[in-house]
Each structure stands twice: as C-alpha cells, then as structure tokens.
C-alpha cells in the first residue's frame, strides 16, 4: 500500500490539471502610439508564459485611444504580436513589434512603442 501512495505522489499531473496562474506585479509603463500623446505611469504587468505579457493602467482611465489592456505575445526570439482591448471590448491588432536593442524593457512596432519596467 505504501508503494501505491508513492506512485500517486510522484505521478505527473493529469492532462486536465489547471494551468499555472499568471504572475502579476506593478510596473512603470510607457505607451506611445501614432497620433496620441505618450502615456507614462504605473500599470499592472501580468506574465502569460515565456516573455509574453499584458499590461493595463493602474487606477487610471486607460491608455491612448481608450485602450484598457495591451497584450504582447512573443512569437519568436525578439519578435512579438501586439494587440489592444478597449473599454468597449473591441480588440485591435497593433501588429508586429521587435524588442528594442537599446532597452530590453521596450517593444517597438511600426507606429507604436510599449515599455514595461
């Protein structure tokens, strides 16, 4: 009976096991988007696996353009797809971004920049 108990403890989690919870923390963020004033301030930084993350303004109305959440989904080494979610629930694809060579906390797209420190 003791062996059976050890097998249960040592067995890998089943396929239906819950995924690990995302980790969140407060960060200093900067969002620049074409045609909007730069936004700087505290934000909630949530990791979503690997180097992917999302940010949302902490205690403020939103990022430029009414965006309430920005998602940076890393697709390859130093490359990510960026999208936004407005307060009205509209998803918008911002496009591809590359990690900045000068500041690893920043991702640069064709007409936007996202930084989270």
C-alpha atoms as a PDB file:
ATOM      1  CA  UNK A   1       0.000   0.000   0.000  1.00  0.00           C
ATOM      2  CA  UNK A   2       2.890   2.352   0.673  1.00  0.00           C
ATOM      3  CA  UNK A   3       4.128   1.961  -2.922  1.00  0.00           C
ATOM      4  CA  UNK A   4       0.727   2.947  -4.278  1.00  0.00           C
ATOM      5  CA  UNK A   5       0.817   6.128  -2.212  1.00  0.00           C
ATOM      6  CA  UNK A   6       4.269   6.995  -3.560  1.00  0.00           C
ATOM      7  CA  UNK A   7       3.142   6.408  -7.136  1.00  0.00           C
ATOM      8  CA  UNK A   8       0.301   8.855  -6.705  1.00  0.00           C
ATOM      9  CA  UNK A   9       2.582  11.494  -5.263  1.00  0.00           C
ATOM     10  CA  UNK A  10       5.241  11.059  -7.936  1.00  0.00           C
ATOM     11  CA  UNK A  11       2.981  10.733 -10.958  1.00  0.00           C
ATOM     12  CA  UNK A  12       2.834  13.661 -13.395  1.00  0.00           C
ATOM     13  CA  UNK A  13      -0.252  15.874 -13.348  1.00  0.00           C
ATOM     14  CA  UNK A  14      -3.151  14.704 -15.486  1.00  0.00           C
ATOM     15  CA  UNK A  15      -3.942  16.383 -18.805  1.00  0.00           C
ATOM     16  CA  UNK A  16      -6.889  18.101 -17.133  1.00  0.00           C
ATOM     17  CA  UNK A  17      -4.744  19.785 -14.489  1.00  0.00           C
ATOM     18  CA  UNK A  18      -5.210  23.524 -14.147  1.00  0.00           C
ATOM     19  CA  UNK A  19      -2.509  25.654 -15.799  1.00  0.00           C
ATOM     20  CA  UNK A  20      -0.213  27.730 -13.627  1.00  0.00           C
ATOM     21  CA  UNK A  21      -1.680  31.074 -12.639  1.00  0.00           C
ATOM     22  CA  UNK A  22      -0.242  34.146 -14.325  1.00  0.00           C
ATOM     23  CA  UNK A  23       2.012  36.257 -12.133  1.00  0.00           C
ATOM     24  CA  UNK A  24       1.223  39.929 -11.795  1.00  0.00           C
ATOM     25  CA  UNK A  25       3.107  42.889 -10.394  1.00  0.00           C
ATOM     26  CA  UNK A  26       3.107  46.644 -10.501  1.00  0.00           C
ATOM     27  CA  UNK A  27       5.362  48.190 -13.144  1.00  0.00           C
ATOM     28  CA  UNK A  28       6.283  51.530 -14.649  1.00  0.00           C
ATOM     29  CA  UNK A  29       4.933  51.580 -18.209  1.00  0.00           C
ATOM     30  CA  UNK A  30       5.163  53.754 -21.271  1.00  0.00           C
ATOM     31  CA  UNK A  31       2.865  53.539 -24.289  1.00  0.00           C
ATOM     32  CA  UNK A  32       3.439  55.563 -27.437  1.00  0.00           C
ATOM     33  CA  UNK A  33       1.052  55.288 -30.341  1.00  0.00           C
ATOM     34  CA  UNK A  34       0.884  57.348 -33.541  1.00  0.00           C
ATOM     35  CA  UNK A  35      -1.412  60.339 -33.228  1.00  0.00           C
ATOM     36  CA  UNK A  36      -1.777  60.121 -29.437  1.00  0.00           C
ATOM     37  CA  UNK A  37       0.189  61.735 -26.613  1.00  0.00           C
ATOM     38  CA  UNK A  38       2.634  59.388 -24.856  1.00  0.00           C
ATOM     39  CA  UNK A  39       1.258  57.660 -21.758  1.00  0.00           C
ATOM     40  CA  UNK A  40       3.530  57.050 -18.762  1.00  0.00           C
ATOM     41  CA  UNK A  41       2.571  55.718 -15.370  1.00  0.00           C
ATOM     42  CA  UNK A  42       2.001  52.749 -13.094  1.00  0.00           C
ATOM     43  CA  UNK A  43       0.458  49.689 -14.655  1.00  0.00           C
ATOM     44  CA  UNK A  44      -0.378  46.109 -13.788  1.00  0.00           C
ATOM     45  CA  UNK A  45       2.084  43.787 -15.543  1.00  0.00           C
ATOM     46  CA  UNK A  46       0.865  40.195 -15.970  1.00  0.00           C
ATOM     47  CA  UNK A  47       3.109  37.473 -17.390  1.00  0.00           C
ATOM     48  CA  UNK A  48       1.445  34.886 -19.573  1.00  0.00           C
ATOM     49  CA  UNK A  49       4.234  32.410 -20.240  1.00  0.00           C
ATOM     50  CA  UNK A  50       7.712  32.848 -21.640  1.00  0.00           C
ATOM     51  CA  UNK A  51       8.375  36.505 -22.334  1.00  0.00           C
ATOM     52  CA  UNK A  52       4.725  37.245 -23.253  1.00  0.00           C
ATOM     53  CA  UNK A  53       2.826  39.687 -21.064  1.00  0.00           C
ATOM     54  CA  UNK A  54      -0.078  42.080 -20.822  1.00  0.00           C
ATOM     55  CA  UNK A  55      -0.347  45.491 -19.208  1.00  0.00           C
ATOM     56  CA  UNK A  56      -3.264  47.577 -18.011  1.00  0.00           C
ATOM     57  CA  UNK A  57      -3.253  51.031 -16.418  1.00  0.00           C
ATOM     58  CA  UNK A  58      -3.273  51.005 -12.613  1.00  0.00           C
ATOM     59  CA  UNK A  59      -6.078  53.189 -11.288  1.00  0.00           C
ATOM     60  CA  UNK A  60      -6.354  55.285 -14.441  1.00  0.00           C
ATOM     61  CA  UNK A  61      -8.885  55.619 -17.235  1.00  0.00           C
ATOM     62  CA  UNK A  62      -6.819  53.914 -19.912  1.00  0.00           C
ATOM     63  CA  UNK A  63      -4.045  54.059 -22.425  1.00  0.00           C
ATOM     64  CA  UNK A  64      -4.295  56.327 -25.505  1.00  0.00           C
ATOM     65  CA  UNK A  65      -7.334  55.674 -27.679  1.00  0.00           C
ATOM     66  CA  UNK A  66      -9.389  54.242 -24.822  1.00  0.00           C
ATOM     67  CA  UNK A  67      -7.301  51.063 -24.698  1.00  0.00           C
ATOM     68  CA  UNK A  68      -7.601  49.300 -21.335  1.00  0.00           C
ATOM     69  CA  UNK A  69      -5.318  46.299 -21.960  1.00  0.00           C
ATOM     70  CA  UNK A  70      -2.287  45.729 -24.187  1.00  0.00           C
ATOM     71  CA  UNK A  71      -1.120  42.205 -24.931  1.00  0.00           C
ATOM     72  CA  UNK A  72       2.431  41.444 -26.116  1.00  0.00           C
ATOM     73  CA  UNK A  73       2.537  37.835 -27.358  1.00  0.00           C
ATOM     74  CA  UNK A  74       6.093  36.741 -28.100  1.00  0.00           C
ATOM     75  CA  UNK A  75       6.179  34.661 -31.296  1.00  0.00           C
ATOM     76  CA  UNK A  76       9.922  34.217 -31.711  1.00  0.00           C
ATOM     77  CA  UNK A  77      13.264  35.461 -30.478  1.00  0.00           C
ATOM     78  CA  UNK A  78      12.835  39.229 -30.036  1.00  0.00           C
ATOM     79  CA  UNK A  79       9.573  39.326 -32.046  1.00  0.00           C
ATOM     80  CA  UNK A  80       6.001  39.706 -30.760  1.00  0.00           C
ATOM     81  CA  UNK A  81       2.466  40.367 -31.928  1.00  0.00           C
ATOM     82  CA  UNK A  82       0.822  43.251 -30.080  1.00  0.00           C
ATOM     83  CA  UNK A  83      -2.890  43.829 -29.661  1.00  0.00           C
ATOM     84  CA  UNK A  84      -5.131  46.038 -27.583  1.00  0.00           C
ATOM     85  CA  UNK A  85      -8.531  45.798 -25.940  1.00  0.00           C
ATOM     86  CA  UNK A  86     -10.674  48.891 -25.463  1.00  0.00           C
ATOM     87  CA  UNK A  87     -13.024  49.597 -22.575  1.00  0.00           C
ATOM     88  CA  UNK A  88     -15.858  48.884 -25.037  1.00  0.00           C
ATOM     89  CA  UNK A  89     -14.487  45.357 -25.580  1.00  0.00           C
ATOM     90  CA  UNK A  90     -13.099  45.968 -29.083  1.00  0.00           C
ATOM     91  CA  UNK A  91      -9.947  44.016 -29.930  1.00  0.00           C
ATOM     92  CA  UNK A  92      -7.439  45.720 -32.197  1.00  0.00           C
ATOM     93  CA  UNK A  93      -4.339  44.211 -33.741  1.00  0.00           C
ATOM     94  CA  UNK A  94      -1.447  46.660 -33.449  1.00  0.00           C
ATOM     95  CA  UNK A  95       0.962  44.463 -35.387  1.00  0.00           C
ATOM     96  CA  UNK A  96       4.440  43.080 -35.077  1.00  0.00           C
ATOM     97  CA  UNK A  97       6.948  44.509 -32.632  1.00  0.00           C
ATOM     98  CA  UNK A  98      10.609  43.869 -32.039  1.00  0.00           C
ATOM     99  CA  UNK A  99      12.403  44.037 -28.721  1.00  0.00           C
ATOM    100  CA  UNK A 100      14.457  47.212 -28.521  1.00  0.00           C
ATOM    101  CA  UNK A 101      18.215  46.713 -28.808  1.00  0.00           C
ATOM    102  CA  UNK A 102      18.756  49.786 -26.590  1.00  0.00           C
ATOM    103  CA  UNK A 103      16.186  48.947 -23.887  1.00  0.00           C
ATOM    104  CA  UNK A 104      15.104  45.326 -23.357  1.00  0.00           C
ATOM    105  CA  UNK A 105      12.001  46.525 -21.452  1.00  0.00           C
ATOM    106  CA  UNK A 106      10.623  48.028 -24.683  1.00  0.00           C
ATOM    107  CA  UNK A 107       8.972  46.645 -27.806  1.00  0.00           C
ATOM    108  CA  UNK A 108       8.897  48.757 -30.977  1.00  0.00           C
ATOM    109  CA  UNK A 109       6.327  48.455 -33.742  1.00  0.00           C
ATOM    110  CA  UNK A 110       5.941  50.442 -36.964  1.00  0.00           C
ATOM    111  CA  UNK A 111       3.924  53.178 -35.214  1.00  0.00           C
ATOM    112  CA  UNK A 112       3.982  52.293 -31.519  1.00  0.00           C
ATOM    113  CA  UNK A 113       6.282  51.568 -28.560  1.00  0.00           C
ATOM    114  CA  UNK A 114       5.435  49.590 -25.417  1.00  0.00           C
ATOM    115  CA  UNK A 115       7.741  49.609 -22.368  1.00  0.00           C
ATOM    116  CA  UNK A 116       7.240  47.920 -19.000  1.00  0.00           C
ATOM    117  CA  UNK A 117       9.847  48.099 -16.208  1.00  0.00           C
END
